[in-house]
Structures are given as C-alpha cells and as structure tokens.
Amino acid sequence: MTPTAAASPAPAGGPPQGGHPQGGPLASPAGGPPSGGRHRTKGWRRPAAWATLALAAAAGPAAADTIFLCRSYAGQQFWSNTHCHQQRAVILRETTVPNGTPFAQAVEMGRAAQAEGERLAKAPPPVVARPAPKHPHGAECAALAQHIQALDAAARQVQSATSQDRLTLERRHARTRQFQLGCP
C-alpha cells in the first residue's frame, strides 16, 4: 500500500495549492515544480502561454482577407472570396490580401502573387560551361600526367625496394615539373 498525500484545498478563485492544477501527490507545497524544484519542465510555463493565446483571441481576427484561385470540376479556373469547396471546385491557390480590398484589386494581387510563385518555382537558367583556356604548356603537361600514371601503375606491381625508390624519385621529379609549369 502506497501512502498518498492529501490534496490541499483550493483557495477561492485559483488553482489548488502546490502548483499542480489538481493538487495531489505530485504537487509541491511551495508552488513550484515537483521534486522540490530540481527539474525544470516547460509544463510550468503553460499558464503564460494560455494567457498569450487568450489575448490573441480577444484581439480579434487579423486585418486580412483571403481569396482563392479555384478550378471547377469541369476544368474552369476562377477567383473567389469564398472557399472553393462551397462552389464545387478544388483550390489551386490561396492568397492573403489586406482587409477591405476591392475584389478586382484583390484578384490582381492574387495574380501577381501567382506569377511570383511560378517565377520562384522555375529552375534557374543552366550555367553554360566555358571551355578551359588553353595552357601554354598543354602538351608537356599532358605528357607529364601520362608519365605519372605509368609510374603509379608500375609502383603498384611487386618490385624490389631499389626499384620502388627509383619510381618514387621519378614521380617526385615529374610532379615538381608539373608544379613549375602550373599544370592543372
């Protein structure tokens, strides 16, 4: 049998003592979080969040209207200030306009927003690759690259230590020459 703490009576017009909305064994007598304030939880900030939501709801609707680009089941497109499903159509686009904007002006704003959305959705133009400029020592650079590839292939074969050292030295000289010429 587990002992349970009795819930504190609630003061008039407020939550029960102990900080827990229902009182009970998890309630802290000091009004803080359970476990004597050792653990911080977001749950104890909820009253402030609810107060913010209540203030936002009391402020009323935002000063904006919504217009819809609809397509009827027959395939015709039209703008509407009521939801498309009320007119037996599907919604293609939803645009927010300032409150009290005349419908014709709101449609123009909707068309402008649609054009901007289509422009942003398009892929950017492809970047044209320009051929690399000719290197003044192109032939020698190509020959050095082939020679280095041949040296690397030979070095991967089973060789004596003397042969491996000779290949390493030749490769080092070829890479140095490549660097001196500024080969790509």
C-alpha atoms as a PDB file:
ATOM      1  CA  MET A   1       0.000   0.000   0.000  1.00  0.00           C
ATOM      2  CA  THR A   2       1.389   3.328  -1.056  1.00  0.00           C
ATOM      3  CA  PRO A   3       0.825   6.414   1.053  1.00  0.00           C
ATOM      4  CA  THR A   4      -0.666   9.350  -0.825  1.00  0.00           C
ATOM      5  CA  ALA A   5      -0.665  12.979   0.161  1.00  0.00           C
ATOM      6  CA  ALA A   6      -3.975  14.646   0.581  1.00  0.00           C
ATOM      7  CA  ALA A   7      -4.733  17.366  -1.901  1.00  0.00           C
ATOM      8  CA  SER A   8      -4.661  20.850  -0.481  1.00  0.00           C
ATOM      9  CA  PRO A   9      -7.927  22.702  -0.614  1.00  0.00           C
ATOM     10  CA  ALA A  10      -8.064  25.222  -3.422  1.00  0.00           C
ATOM     11  CA  PRO A  11      -8.082  28.873  -2.476  1.00  0.00           C
ATOM     12  CA  ALA A  12     -11.109  30.753  -3.668  1.00  0.00           C
ATOM     13  CA  GLY A  13     -10.835  31.623  -7.360  1.00  0.00           C
ATOM     14  CA  GLY A  14      -7.497  29.912  -8.054  1.00  0.00           C
ATOM     15  CA  PRO A  15      -5.807  26.599  -8.647  1.00  0.00           C
ATOM     16  CA  PRO A  16      -5.160  24.265  -5.729  1.00  0.00           C
ATOM     17  CA  GLN A  17      -2.142  24.943  -3.615  1.00  0.00           C
ATOM     18  CA  GLY A  18       1.014  23.181  -4.563  1.00  0.00           C
ATOM     19  CA  GLY A  19       1.293  24.423  -8.135  1.00  0.00           C
ATOM     20  CA  HIS A  20      -0.298  21.310  -9.653  1.00  0.00           C
ATOM     21  CA  PRO A  21      -3.664  22.082 -11.278  1.00  0.00           C
ATOM     22  CA  GLN A  22      -5.328  19.167  -9.479  1.00  0.00           C
ATOM     23  CA  GLY A  23      -3.232  19.114  -6.324  1.00  0.00           C
ATOM     24  CA  GLY A  24      -2.355  15.570  -5.298  1.00  0.00           C
ATOM     25  CA  PRO A  25       0.842  13.679  -4.567  1.00  0.00           C
ATOM     26  CA  LEU A  26       2.956  15.420  -7.226  1.00  0.00           C
ATOM     27  CA  ALA A  27       2.073  18.892  -6.055  1.00  0.00           C
ATOM     28  CA  SER A  28       4.818  20.884  -4.468  1.00  0.00           C
ATOM     29  CA  PRO A  29       3.795  22.756  -1.325  1.00  0.00           C
ATOM     30  CA  ALA A  30       5.960  25.706  -2.406  1.00  0.00           C
ATOM     31  CA  GLY A  31       4.049  26.112  -5.673  1.00  0.00           C
ATOM     32  CA  GLY A  32       6.992  25.123  -7.888  1.00  0.00           C
ATOM     33  CA  PRO A  33       7.606  22.061  -9.988  1.00  0.00           C
ATOM     34  CA  PRO A  34       7.519  18.602  -8.387  1.00  0.00           C
ATOM     35  CA  SER A  35      10.665  17.209  -6.752  1.00  0.00           C
ATOM     36  CA  GLY A  36      11.412  20.399  -4.880  1.00  0.00           C
ATOM     37  CA  GLY A  37      12.344  22.446  -7.962  1.00  0.00           C
ATOM     38  CA  ARG A  38      15.205  20.201  -9.054  1.00  0.00           C
ATOM     39  CA  HIS A  39      13.765  19.623 -12.531  1.00  0.00           C
ATOM     40  CA  ARG A  40      12.731  22.353 -14.895  1.00  0.00           C
ATOM     41  CA  THR A  41       9.871  21.490 -17.191  1.00  0.00           C
ATOM     42  CA  LYS A  42       8.044  23.512 -19.793  1.00  0.00           C
ATOM     43  CA  GLY A  43       4.737  22.465 -18.282  1.00  0.00           C
ATOM     44  CA  TRP A  44       5.042  25.104 -15.585  1.00  0.00           C
ATOM     45  CA  ARG A  45       5.110  27.845 -18.207  1.00  0.00           C
ATOM     46  CA  ARG A  46       1.773  26.853 -19.689  1.00  0.00           C
ATOM     47  CA  PRO A  47      -0.331  29.447 -17.836  1.00  0.00           C
ATOM     48  CA  ALA A  48       1.655  32.207 -19.549  1.00  0.00           C
ATOM     49  CA  ALA A  49       1.206  30.503 -22.933  1.00  0.00           C
ATOM     50  CA  TRP A  50      -2.533  30.175 -22.369  1.00  0.00           C
ATOM     51  CA  ALA A  51      -2.716  33.820 -21.365  1.00  0.00           C
ATOM     52  CA  THR A  52      -0.943  34.792 -24.597  1.00  0.00           C
ATOM     53  CA  LEU A  53      -3.389  32.724 -26.640  1.00  0.00           C
ATOM     54  CA  ALA A  54      -6.316  34.254 -24.805  1.00  0.00           C
ATOM     55  CA  LEU A  55      -5.034  37.763 -25.561  1.00  0.00           C
ATOM     56  CA  ALA A  56      -4.545  36.883 -29.230  1.00  0.00           C
ATOM     57  CA  ALA A  57      -8.091  35.507 -29.446  1.00  0.00           C
ATOM     58  CA  ALA A  58      -9.503  38.580 -27.706  1.00  0.00           C
ATOM     59  CA  ALA A  59      -7.718  40.879 -30.179  1.00  0.00           C
ATOM     60  CA  GLY A  60      -9.991  39.532 -32.922  1.00  0.00           C
ATOM     61  CA  PRO A  61      -9.201  38.403 -36.446  1.00  0.00           C
ATOM     62  CA  ALA A  62      -6.158  39.730 -38.237  1.00  0.00           C
ATOM     63  CA  ALA A  63      -6.726  42.602 -40.649  1.00  0.00           C
ATOM     64  CA  ALA A  64      -6.569  40.449 -43.786  1.00  0.00           C
ATOM     65  CA  ASP A  65      -8.890  38.705 -46.223  1.00  0.00           C
ATOM     66  CA  THR A  66      -8.235  35.572 -48.221  1.00  0.00           C
ATOM     67  CA  ILE A  67      -9.059  34.989 -51.853  1.00  0.00           C
ATOM     68  CA  PHE A  68      -8.870  31.627 -53.585  1.00  0.00           C
ATOM     69  CA  LEU A  69      -7.964  30.525 -57.088  1.00  0.00           C
ATOM     70  CA  CYS A  70     -10.339  27.654 -57.799  1.00  0.00           C
ATOM     71  CA  ARG A  71     -10.801  25.113 -60.565  1.00  0.00           C
ATOM     72  CA  SER A  72     -14.292  23.784 -61.124  1.00  0.00           C
ATOM     73  CA  TYR A  73     -14.842  20.105 -61.704  1.00  0.00           C
ATOM     74  CA  ALA A  74     -15.390  20.997 -65.390  1.00  0.00           C
ATOM     75  CA  GLY A  75     -11.844  22.474 -65.501  1.00  0.00           C
ATOM     76  CA  GLN A  76     -12.590  26.229 -65.475  1.00  0.00           C
ATOM     77  CA  GLN A  77     -10.406  28.439 -63.259  1.00  0.00           C
ATOM     78  CA  PHE A  78     -11.799  31.400 -61.324  1.00  0.00           C
ATOM     79  CA  TRP A  79     -11.010  33.612 -58.331  1.00  0.00           C
ATOM     80  CA  SER A  80     -13.331  33.634 -55.348  1.00  0.00           C
ATOM     81  CA  ASN A  81     -13.559  35.232 -51.926  1.00  0.00           C
ATOM     82  CA  THR A  82     -15.382  32.155 -50.534  1.00  0.00           C
ATOM     83  CA  HIS A  83     -13.803  28.760 -50.137  1.00  0.00           C
ATOM     84  CA  CYS A  84     -13.695  26.697 -53.318  1.00  0.00           C
ATOM     85  CA  HIS A  85     -15.474  23.641 -51.878  1.00  0.00           C
ATOM     86  CA  GLN A  86     -18.568  25.797 -51.333  1.00  0.00           C
ATOM     87  CA  GLN A  87     -18.664  26.302 -55.106  1.00  0.00           C
ATOM     88  CA  ARG A  88     -17.987  22.669 -56.054  1.00  0.00           C
ATOM     89  CA  ALA A  89     -14.393  23.332 -57.024  1.00  0.00           C
ATOM     90  CA  VAL A  90     -10.883  22.481 -55.886  1.00  0.00           C
ATOM     91  CA  ILE A  91      -8.483  25.047 -54.520  1.00  0.00           C
ATOM     92  CA  LEU A  92      -5.365  25.802 -56.569  1.00  0.00           C
ATOM     93  CA  ARG A  93      -4.010  28.795 -54.671  1.00  0.00           C
ATOM     94  CA  GLU A  94      -4.795  30.802 -51.564  1.00  0.00           C
ATOM     95  CA  THR A  95      -3.700  34.436 -51.306  1.00  0.00           C
ATOM     96  CA  THR A  96      -3.980  36.813 -48.355  1.00  0.00           C
ATOM     97  CA  VAL A  97      -4.851  40.427 -49.183  1.00  0.00           C
ATOM     98  CA  PRO A  98      -5.382  43.469 -46.924  1.00  0.00           C
ATOM     99  CA  ASN A  99      -8.774  43.674 -45.287  1.00  0.00           C
ATOM    100  CA  GLY A 100     -11.334  45.664 -47.264  1.00  0.00           C
ATOM    101  CA  THR A 101      -9.500  45.458 -50.612  1.00  0.00           C
ATOM    102  CA  PRO A 102     -11.941  45.610 -53.562  1.00  0.00           C
ATOM    103  CA  PHE A 103     -12.359  42.219 -55.217  1.00  0.00           C
ATOM    104  CA  ALA A 104     -10.903  43.293 -58.590  1.00  0.00           C
ATOM    105  CA  GLN A 105      -7.782  44.678 -56.906  1.00  0.00           C
ATOM    106  CA  ALA A 106      -7.527  41.548 -54.725  1.00  0.00           C
ATOM    107  CA  VAL A 107      -7.623  39.378 -57.871  1.00  0.00           C
ATOM    108  CA  GLU A 108      -4.805  41.439 -59.398  1.00  0.00           C
ATOM    109  CA  MET A 109      -2.783  40.972 -56.212  1.00  0.00           C
ATOM    110  CA  GLY A 110      -3.528  37.241 -56.368  1.00  0.00           C
ATOM    111  CA  ARG A 111      -2.376  37.053 -59.996  1.00  0.00           C
ATOM    112  CA  ALA A 112       0.824  38.911 -59.104  1.00  0.00           C
ATOM    113  CA  ALA A 113       1.473  36.501 -56.221  1.00  0.00           C
ATOM    114  CA  GLN A 114       0.791  33.562 -58.542  1.00  0.00           C
ATOM    115  CA  ALA A 115       3.254  34.904 -61.149  1.00  0.00           C
ATOM    116  CA  GLU A 116       5.887  35.423 -58.445  1.00  0.00           C
ATOM    117  CA  GLY A 117       5.345  31.885 -57.175  1.00  0.00           C
ATOM    118  CA  GLU A 118       5.709  30.455 -60.677  1.00  0.00           C
ATOM    119  CA  ARG A 119       8.875  32.506 -61.225  1.00  0.00           C
ATOM    120  CA  LEU A 120      10.375  31.205 -57.987  1.00  0.00           C
ATOM    121  CA  ALA A 121       9.353  27.632 -58.775  1.00  0.00           C
ATOM    122  CA  LYS A 122      11.149  27.655 -62.129  1.00  0.00           C
ATOM    123  CA  ALA A 123      14.618  26.212 -62.253  1.00  0.00           C
ATOM    124  CA  PRO A 124      17.342  28.820 -62.714  1.00  0.00           C
ATOM    125  CA  PRO A 125      18.825  29.020 -66.204  1.00  0.00           C
ATOM    126  CA  PRO A 126      21.601  26.497 -66.745  1.00  0.00           C
ATOM    127  CA  VAL A 127      25.136  27.713 -66.361  1.00  0.00           C
ATOM    128  CA  VAL A 128      26.958  27.474 -69.654  1.00  0.00           C
ATOM    129  CA  ALA A 129      30.236  25.676 -69.192  1.00  0.00           C
ATOM    130  CA  ARG A 130      33.046  27.552 -70.855  1.00  0.00           C
ATOM    131  CA  PRO A 131      35.943  25.554 -72.191  1.00  0.00           C
ATOM    132  CA  ALA A 132      39.040  25.851 -70.084  1.00  0.00           C
ATOM    133  CA  PRO A 133      41.602  28.207 -71.554  1.00  0.00           C
ATOM    134  CA  LYS A 134      44.474  26.532 -73.347  1.00  0.00           C
ATOM    135  CA  HIS A 135      47.503  26.091 -71.151  1.00  0.00           C
ATOM    136  CA  PRO A 136      50.712  27.362 -72.773  1.00  0.00           C
ATOM    137  CA  HIS A 137      52.477  24.113 -71.849  1.00  0.00           C
ATOM    138  CA  GLY A 138      49.493  21.863 -72.593  1.00  0.00           C
ATOM    139  CA  ALA A 139      51.411  19.175 -74.488  1.00  0.00           C
ATOM    140  CA  GLU A 140      54.131  18.888 -71.851  1.00  0.00           C
ATOM    141  CA  CYS A 141      51.529  18.836 -69.051  1.00  0.00           C
ATOM    142  CA  ALA A 142      49.643  16.010 -70.765  1.00  0.00           C
ATOM    143  CA  ALA A 143      52.867  14.040 -71.251  1.00  0.00           C
ATOM    144  CA  LEU A 144      53.791  14.509 -67.577  1.00  0.00           C
ATOM    145  CA  ALA A 145      50.323  13.348 -66.467  1.00  0.00           C
ATOM    146  CA  GLN A 146      50.643  10.185 -68.586  1.00  0.00           C
ATOM    147  CA  HIS A 147      54.163   9.545 -67.277  1.00  0.00           C
ATOM    148  CA  ILE A 148      52.946   9.901 -63.655  1.00  0.00           C
ATOM    149  CA  GLN A 149      50.085   7.465 -64.346  1.00  0.00           C
ATOM    150  CA  ALA A 150      52.559   4.949 -65.782  1.00  0.00           C
ATOM    151  CA  LEU A 151      54.842   5.379 -62.761  1.00  0.00           C
ATOM    152  CA  ASP A 152      51.889   4.836 -60.392  1.00  0.00           C
ATOM    153  CA  ALA A 153      50.870   1.674 -62.271  1.00  0.00           C
ATOM    154  CA  ALA A 154      54.448   0.341 -62.090  1.00  0.00           C
ATOM    155  CA  ALA A 155      54.677   1.161 -58.375  1.00  0.00           C
ATOM    156  CA  ARG A 156      51.595  -0.968 -57.679  1.00  0.00           C
ATOM    157  CA  GLN A 157      53.401  -4.024 -59.040  1.00  0.00           C
ATOM    158  CA  VAL A 158      55.685  -6.182 -56.934  1.00  0.00           C
ATOM    159  CA  GLN A 159      59.133  -4.581 -57.169  1.00  0.00           C
ATOM    160  CA  SER A 160      62.341  -4.631 -55.237  1.00  0.00           C
ATOM    161  CA  ALA A 161      62.958  -1.837 -52.771  1.00  0.00           C
ATOM    162  CA  THR A 162      65.535  -0.271 -55.104  1.00  0.00           C
ATOM    163  CA  SER A 163      63.024  -0.193 -57.990  1.00  0.00           C
ATOM    164  CA  GLN A 164      60.295   1.280 -55.756  1.00  0.00           C
ATOM    165  CA  ASP A 165      62.702   4.016 -54.612  1.00  0.00           C
ATOM    166  CA  ARG A 166      63.614   4.811 -58.253  1.00  0.00           C
ATOM    167  CA  LEU A 167      59.909   5.046 -59.206  1.00  0.00           C
ATOM    168  CA  THR A 168      59.200   7.298 -56.211  1.00  0.00           C
ATOM    169  CA  LEU A 169      62.065   9.612 -57.175  1.00  0.00           C
ATOM    170  CA  GLU A 170      60.936   9.795 -60.823  1.00  0.00           C
ATOM    171  CA  ARG A 171      57.364  10.556 -59.758  1.00  0.00           C
ATOM    172  CA  ARG A 172      58.581  13.292 -57.407  1.00  0.00           C
ATOM    173  CA  HIS A 173      60.571  14.926 -60.242  1.00  0.00           C
ATOM    174  CA  ALA A 174      57.581  14.721 -62.616  1.00  0.00           C
ATOM    175  CA  ARG A 175      55.225  16.279 -60.027  1.00  0.00           C
ATOM    176  CA  THR A 176      57.759  19.043 -59.358  1.00  0.00           C
ATOM    177  CA  ARG A 177      57.904  19.810 -63.084  1.00  0.00           C
ATOM    178  CA  GLN A 178      54.092  19.854 -63.222  1.00  0.00           C
ATOM    179  CA  PHE A 179      54.033  22.363 -60.392  1.00  0.00           C
ATOM    180  CA  GLN A 180      56.709  24.538 -62.082  1.00  0.00           C
ATOM    181  CA  LEU A 181      54.680  24.655 -65.299  1.00  0.00           C
ATOM    182  CA  GLY A 182      51.433  25.364 -63.451  1.00  0.00           C
ATOM    183  CA  CYS A 183      49.701  22.353 -64.967  1.00  0.00           C
ATOM    184  CA  PRO A 184      46.058  21.827 -63.976  1.00  0.00           C
END
